[in-house]
Structures are given as structure tokens and as C-alpha cells.
């Protein structure tokens, strides 16, 4: 009797695992992925998202965070401020998680300016969505 119960529990567990993996596979096959490649001033930045526009914005975020001179200046000022020192003087990439002002500059101000560059031809962007 105990053996039947154990066998039934094993069968139910296997069935549940099979259904979970089938759902996971179905979701991954159905998801769309867009990759945007931004080229600006001889450097390349990549952004990924399910939506083309967001992938472009993500590529712009990387430009802003890594190489935008205005963000660099803001970051250096913040780094030497009491807030930057108390945050442990994080890298430019990590600082946006410590300062709302830096995050907003990268993701809103600079990113919108960068997206405009892709629209007026100042920066080149290619996208691949599959």
C-alpha cells in the first residue's frame, strides 16, 4: 500500500516537472528579442529588449553611462560630494543605482538626446529583432 502511494507521488512530481519545462520552453520560444547596435563617435554600444525602441534606448543608456562627457562631469562632482563618499565612491556604472539624479540624467536626459541623434543621423543605429 505504501509503495503505491510513493509511486503515485513520484508520477505526480514527474508530471508537474514536465509541465513546468514545457511552459518554460513555450515562453522562451515565443519571446521576441531585439538587439540595437548604436555607433557614435567611433564606438559601439549594444542594447537588448523585447521592443525595438527600448533596445535603442538601452544602447543609448550604455553610451551615456560609459562615455557621455556631461554624465562624466556630473559623476565626478557627485563622487567627491558627501553622498558619493558615503556611497563608497562607486564606479560610473554603479553610481546610477546610488543617485536618483545621476540615474535620471542617464536614462532620461542623455538617453533622449542620444535617441534624437539616431533619428537625425548624428549617430547610427541598427536593430535586429527576432
Protein backbone atom coordinates (compact mmCIF):
# COMPACT_ATOMS: atom_id res chain seq x y z
CA UNK A 1 0.00 0.00 0.00
CA UNK A 2 2.78 2.41 0.91
CA UNK A 3 4.59 1.54 -2.32
CA UNK A 4 1.54 2.55 -4.41
CA UNK A 5 1.36 5.90 -2.64
CA UNK A 6 5.07 6.52 -3.18
CA UNK A 7 4.76 5.59 -6.87
CA UNK A 8 1.76 7.90 -7.32
CA UNK A 9 3.67 10.79 -5.67
CA UNK A 10 6.62 10.20 -7.98
CA UNK A 11 4.36 10.19 -11.04
CA UNK A 12 2.67 13.43 -9.98
CA UNK A 13 6.08 15.06 -9.35
CA UNK A 14 7.38 13.98 -12.76
CA UNK A 15 4.23 15.23 -14.47
CA UNK A 16 4.49 18.59 -12.69
CA UNK A 17 8.14 18.93 -13.70
CA UNK A 18 7.31 18.03 -17.30
CA UNK A 19 4.54 20.64 -17.45
CA UNK A 20 6.83 23.27 -15.92
CA UNK A 21 9.56 22.66 -18.51
CA UNK A 22 7.03 22.60 -21.35
CA UNK A 23 5.68 26.00 -20.24
CA UNK A 24 9.20 27.37 -19.89
CA UNK A 25 10.12 26.17 -23.38
CA UNK A 26 6.92 27.63 -24.87
CA UNK A 27 7.62 31.02 -23.27
CA UNK A 28 11.22 31.15 -24.43
CA UNK A 29 10.33 30.16 -27.99
CA UNK A 30 7.58 32.76 -28.16
CA UNK A 31 9.58 35.68 -26.80
CA UNK A 32 10.93 38.28 -29.19
CA UNK A 33 14.37 39.76 -28.65
CA UNK A 34 15.60 42.95 -30.26
CA UNK A 35 19.24 43.96 -30.27
CA UNK A 36 20.15 47.56 -31.08
CA UNK A 37 23.70 48.45 -32.04
CA UNK A 38 24.50 52.13 -31.65
CA UNK A 39 27.60 53.61 -33.25
CA UNK A 40 28.59 57.07 -32.09
CA UNK A 41 31.96 58.80 -32.35
CA UNK A 42 33.62 55.58 -33.46
CA UNK A 43 32.41 53.49 -30.52
CA UNK A 44 29.70 50.85 -30.42
CA UNK A 45 27.09 50.24 -27.72
CA UNK A 46 24.55 47.43 -27.59
CA UNK A 47 21.09 47.36 -26.05
CA UNK A 48 18.65 44.47 -25.78
CA UNK A 49 14.93 44.36 -25.09
CA UNK A 50 11.75 42.75 -26.43
CA UNK A 51 10.78 46.10 -28.01
CA UNK A 52 12.87 47.79 -30.69
CA UNK A 53 12.51 51.30 -29.21
CA UNK A 54 13.55 50.14 -25.75
CA UNK A 55 16.56 48.27 -27.17
CA UNK A 56 17.69 51.54 -28.82
CA UNK A 57 17.15 53.41 -25.55
CA UNK A 58 19.16 50.75 -23.69
CA UNK A 59 22.05 51.15 -26.15
CA UNK A 60 21.87 54.91 -25.55
CA UNK A 61 21.90 54.32 -21.79
CA UNK A 62 25.19 52.47 -22.21
CA UNK A 63 26.68 55.33 -24.23
CA UNK A 64 25.53 57.84 -21.61
CA UNK A 65 26.85 55.85 -18.69
CA UNK A 66 30.18 54.94 -20.29
CA UNK A 67 31.21 57.88 -22.48
CA UNK A 68 28.96 60.94 -22.27
CA UNK A 69 31.12 63.90 -21.15
CA UNK A 70 28.26 65.62 -19.31
CA UNK A 71 27.50 62.49 -17.29
CA UNK A 72 31.19 62.05 -16.61
CA UNK A 73 31.36 65.59 -15.17
CA UNK A 74 28.23 65.07 -13.07
CA UNK A 75 29.57 61.75 -11.81
CA UNK A 76 32.95 63.24 -10.80
CA UNK A 77 31.27 66.08 -8.89
CA UNK A 78 28.93 63.62 -7.17
CA UNK A 79 31.81 61.25 -6.40
CA UNK A 80 33.59 63.96 -4.39
CA UNK A 81 30.38 65.01 -2.61
CA UNK A 82 29.40 63.66 0.81
CA UNK A 83 26.81 61.42 -0.91
CA UNK A 84 29.42 59.94 -3.24
CA UNK A 85 31.88 59.38 -0.44
CA UNK A 86 29.26 57.76 1.80
CA UNK A 87 28.22 55.51 -1.11
CA UNK A 88 31.79 54.18 -1.20
CA UNK A 89 32.87 56.02 -4.36
CA UNK A 90 31.26 53.53 -6.78
CA UNK A 91 32.11 53.23 -10.48
CA UNK A 92 30.27 55.32 -13.09
CA UNK A 93 28.18 52.26 -13.91
CA UNK A 94 27.22 51.62 -10.26
CA UNK A 95 26.68 55.26 -9.31
CA UNK A 96 23.34 55.44 -11.11
CA UNK A 97 22.00 52.95 -8.55
CA UNK A 98 23.13 55.23 -5.70
CA UNK A 99 21.91 58.61 -7.01
CA UNK A 100 18.46 59.34 -8.45
CA UNK A 101 19.84 62.48 -10.10
CA UNK A 102 22.52 60.51 -11.97
CA UNK A 103 20.01 57.80 -12.90
CA UNK A 104 17.55 60.35 -14.30
CA UNK A 105 20.29 62.07 -16.26
CA UNK A 106 21.41 58.81 -17.87
CA UNK A 107 18.01 57.26 -18.53
CA UNK A 108 16.02 60.37 -19.39
CA UNK A 109 18.06 63.44 -20.32
CA UNK A 110 21.04 61.86 -22.04
CA UNK A 111 19.21 58.83 -23.44
CA UNK A 112 16.54 61.03 -25.07
CA UNK A 113 19.26 63.22 -26.58
CA UNK A 114 21.01 60.10 -27.90
CA UNK A 115 17.81 58.67 -29.39
CA UNK A 116 17.32 62.01 -31.18
CA UNK A 117 20.84 61.59 -32.64
CA UNK A 118 19.78 58.25 -34.11
CA UNK A 119 16.78 59.94 -35.71
CA UNK A 120 18.69 62.89 -37.20
CA UNK A 121 21.64 60.80 -38.38
CA UNK A 122 24.26 62.07 -35.91
CA UNK A 123 24.53 58.51 -34.59
CA UNK A 124 23.97 55.29 -36.46
CA UNK A 125 21.77 52.55 -35.06
CA UNK A 126 20.90 49.15 -36.46
CA UNK A 127 18.38 46.78 -34.92
CA UNK A 128 17.82 43.08 -35.25
CA UNK A 129 14.58 41.70 -33.84
CA UNK A 130 13.83 38.00 -33.86
